[in-house]
């Protein structure tokens, strides 16, 4: 996991070719101007999903993971908490179409909001969309980066 200010994202180039393409796009484009839905950066290797959602209580959500794509998550409007977990896990829904779901007893938390980003690596359990205070509407950018 990488968690930092969006102004520092260029410091993480060099991890992978596809991640570099994603970082270059993020650093040189206004993500707020992208339409809802998918925007291709490099076909299925790097693409963006712009979505709107309402945050929920942590107990209402499961951890997710992906085998083929890293996630770069950036809140454009609103604030959410994201948790990551590495132990005390139990599968609740089998893996399919590059997503699987788990419950976990413990996790570390990060507050995401405008100006911050998180990179969730391949197979890293993460739980986005957790309310900070009360349920709130968010608009977010999820960049999918192929391994």
Protein backbone atom coordinates (compact mmCIF):
# COMPACT_ATOMS: atom_id res chain seq x y z
CA UNK A 1 0.00 0.00 0.00
CA UNK A 2 1.09 3.53 -0.76
CA UNK A 3 -0.73 6.43 0.93
CA UNK A 4 0.36 9.99 0.23
CA UNK A 5 -0.51 13.46 -1.02
CA UNK A 6 -1.42 13.64 -4.70
CA UNK A 7 1.32 16.26 -5.15
CA UNK A 8 3.85 13.52 -4.35
CA UNK A 9 2.51 10.89 -6.76
CA UNK A 10 5.33 11.37 -9.28
CA UNK A 11 7.77 10.15 -6.59
CA UNK A 12 6.38 6.61 -7.06
CA UNK A 13 7.37 6.20 -10.71
CA UNK A 14 9.63 3.25 -11.44
CA UNK A 15 7.61 0.50 -9.73
CA UNK A 16 6.09 -0.73 -13.00
CA UNK A 17 5.62 0.48 -16.57
CA UNK A 18 1.83 0.50 -16.27
CA UNK A 19 1.91 2.34 -12.95
CA UNK A 20 4.17 4.96 -14.56
CA UNK A 21 1.56 5.55 -17.29
CA UNK A 22 -1.15 5.97 -14.66
CA UNK A 23 0.96 8.39 -12.62
CA UNK A 24 1.81 10.47 -15.69
CA UNK A 25 -1.90 10.73 -16.58
CA UNK A 26 -2.92 11.67 -13.03
CA UNK A 27 -0.16 14.28 -12.76
CA UNK A 28 -0.98 15.96 -16.09
CA UNK A 29 -4.81 15.84 -16.26
CA UNK A 30 -7.76 17.33 -14.39
CA UNK A 31 -9.50 14.21 -13.05
CA UNK A 32 -12.56 16.29 -12.10
CA UNK A 33 -13.22 16.92 -15.80
CA UNK A 34 -13.53 13.22 -16.67
CA UNK A 35 -17.03 11.82 -17.23
CA UNK A 36 -18.59 9.18 -14.99
CA UNK A 37 -17.66 5.67 -16.09
CA UNK A 38 -14.57 4.30 -17.79
CA UNK A 39 -11.84 6.32 -19.48
CA UNK A 40 -9.03 4.36 -21.17
CA UNK A 41 -5.44 5.48 -20.71
CA UNK A 42 -3.75 2.40 -22.23
CA UNK A 43 -6.61 0.05 -23.11
CA UNK A 44 -7.03 -2.75 -20.56
CA UNK A 45 -3.56 -2.08 -19.13
CA UNK A 46 -4.48 1.23 -17.48
CA UNK A 47 -7.95 2.73 -17.23
CA UNK A 48 -9.97 4.97 -14.94
CA UNK A 49 -13.41 4.52 -13.44
CA UNK A 50 -15.05 7.72 -12.22
CA UNK A 51 -17.91 6.88 -9.87
CA UNK A 52 -20.28 8.35 -7.33
CA UNK A 53 -21.21 6.51 -4.15
CA UNK A 54 -22.41 7.00 -0.61
CA UNK A 55 -20.13 5.95 2.23
CA UNK A 56 -21.34 3.31 4.71
CA UNK A 57 -20.47 2.00 8.15
CA UNK A 58 -17.43 -0.31 8.18
CA UNK A 59 -19.54 -3.25 9.39
CA UNK A 60 -21.69 -3.02 6.22
CA UNK A 61 -18.72 -3.53 3.90
CA UNK A 62 -16.27 -6.34 3.11
CA UNK A 63 -12.61 -6.21 2.20
CA UNK A 64 -11.91 -6.74 -1.50
CA UNK A 65 -8.85 -7.80 -3.45
CA UNK A 66 -7.73 -8.12 -7.06
CA UNK A 67 -5.25 -10.49 -8.72
CA UNK A 68 -4.79 -8.68 -12.03
CA UNK A 69 -4.98 -4.97 -11.20
CA UNK A 70 -3.63 -2.51 -8.66
CA UNK A 71 -6.05 0.24 -7.58
CA UNK A 72 -5.13 3.89 -7.30
CA UNK A 73 -8.01 5.51 -5.42
CA UNK A 74 -8.51 9.28 -5.31
CA UNK A 75 -11.51 11.09 -3.82
CA UNK A 76 -12.52 14.03 -5.99
CA UNK A 77 -15.45 15.16 -3.81
CA UNK A 78 -16.06 14.13 -0.21
CA UNK A 79 -14.06 12.03 2.22
CA UNK A 80 -13.97 8.31 3.00
CA UNK A 81 -11.97 5.96 5.16
CA UNK A 82 -10.16 3.01 3.58
CA UNK A 83 -8.98 0.05 5.64
CA UNK A 84 -6.35 -2.54 4.70
CA UNK A 85 -5.95 -5.93 6.36
CA UNK A 86 -3.36 -8.71 6.42
CA UNK A 87 -4.55 -11.12 9.12
CA UNK A 88 -7.64 -12.61 10.73
CA UNK A 89 -9.27 -12.95 7.33
CA UNK A 90 -12.15 -15.13 6.15
CA UNK A 91 -13.39 -15.40 2.56
CA UNK A 92 -17.05 -14.40 2.16
CA UNK A 93 -17.36 -14.46 -1.63
CA UNK A 94 -15.21 -16.46 -4.05
CA UNK A 95 -12.87 -14.65 -6.41
CA UNK A 96 -14.26 -13.98 -9.90
CA UNK A 97 -13.73 -11.37 -12.61
CA UNK A 98 -10.75 -9.86 -10.75
CA UNK A 99 -12.49 -9.33 -7.42
CA UNK A 100 -12.89 -11.39 -4.27
CA UNK A 101 -14.32 -10.48 -0.86
CA UNK A 102 -13.16 -11.16 2.70
CA UNK A 103 -14.02 -10.22 6.27
CA UNK A 104 -11.18 -9.42 8.64
CA UNK A 105 -10.97 -8.83 12.38
CA UNK A 106 -8.30 -6.15 12.19
CA UNK A 107 -7.15 -3.51 9.77
CA UNK A 108 -5.24 -0.28 9.41
CA UNK A 109 -7.16 2.83 8.39
CA UNK A 110 -6.41 5.80 6.14
CA UNK A 111 -8.55 8.87 5.54
CA UNK A 112 -8.85 9.63 1.86
CA UNK A 113 -10.16 12.92 0.57
CA UNK A 114 -9.32 15.53 -2.05
CA UNK A 115 -5.56 15.90 -2.31
CA UNK A 116 -4.70 12.36 -1.15
CA UNK A 117 -4.36 8.99 -2.87
CA UNK A 118 -3.88 5.35 -1.98
CA UNK A 119 -2.39 2.57 -4.10
CA UNK A 120 -3.63 -0.90 -3.18
CA UNK A 121 -1.27 -3.50 -4.60
CA UNK A 122 -2.19 -6.80 -6.23
CA UNK A 123 -3.94 -9.14 -3.73
CA UNK A 124 -3.84 -6.51 -0.97
CA UNK A 125 -7.09 -6.58 1.01
CA UNK A 126 -8.73 -3.16 1.10
CA UNK A 127 -12.11 -1.83 2.18
CA UNK A 128 -13.02 1.50 0.58
CA UNK A 129 -16.17 3.53 1.07
CA UNK A 130 -16.23 3.70 4.87
CA UNK A 131 -17.97 6.71 6.37
CA UNK A 132 -16.04 9.34 8.29
CA UNK A 133 -18.56 10.55 10.86
CA UNK A 134 -21.80 10.05 8.94
CA UNK A 135 -22.74 8.64 5.54
CA UNK A 136 -21.85 11.12 2.81
CA UNK A 137 -21.82 11.29 -0.98
CA UNK A 138 -18.43 10.97 -2.64
CA UNK A 139 -17.15 11.18 -6.18
CA UNK A 140 -14.01 9.20 -6.75
CA UNK A 141 -11.49 8.12 -9.31
CA UNK A 142 -10.29 4.52 -9.30
CA UNK A 143 -7.38 3.90 -11.65
CA UNK A 144 -6.98 0.22 -12.55
CA UNK A 145 -3.34 -0.67 -13.27
CA UNK A 146 -2.55 -4.10 -14.74
CA UNK A 147 0.30 -6.03 -13.14
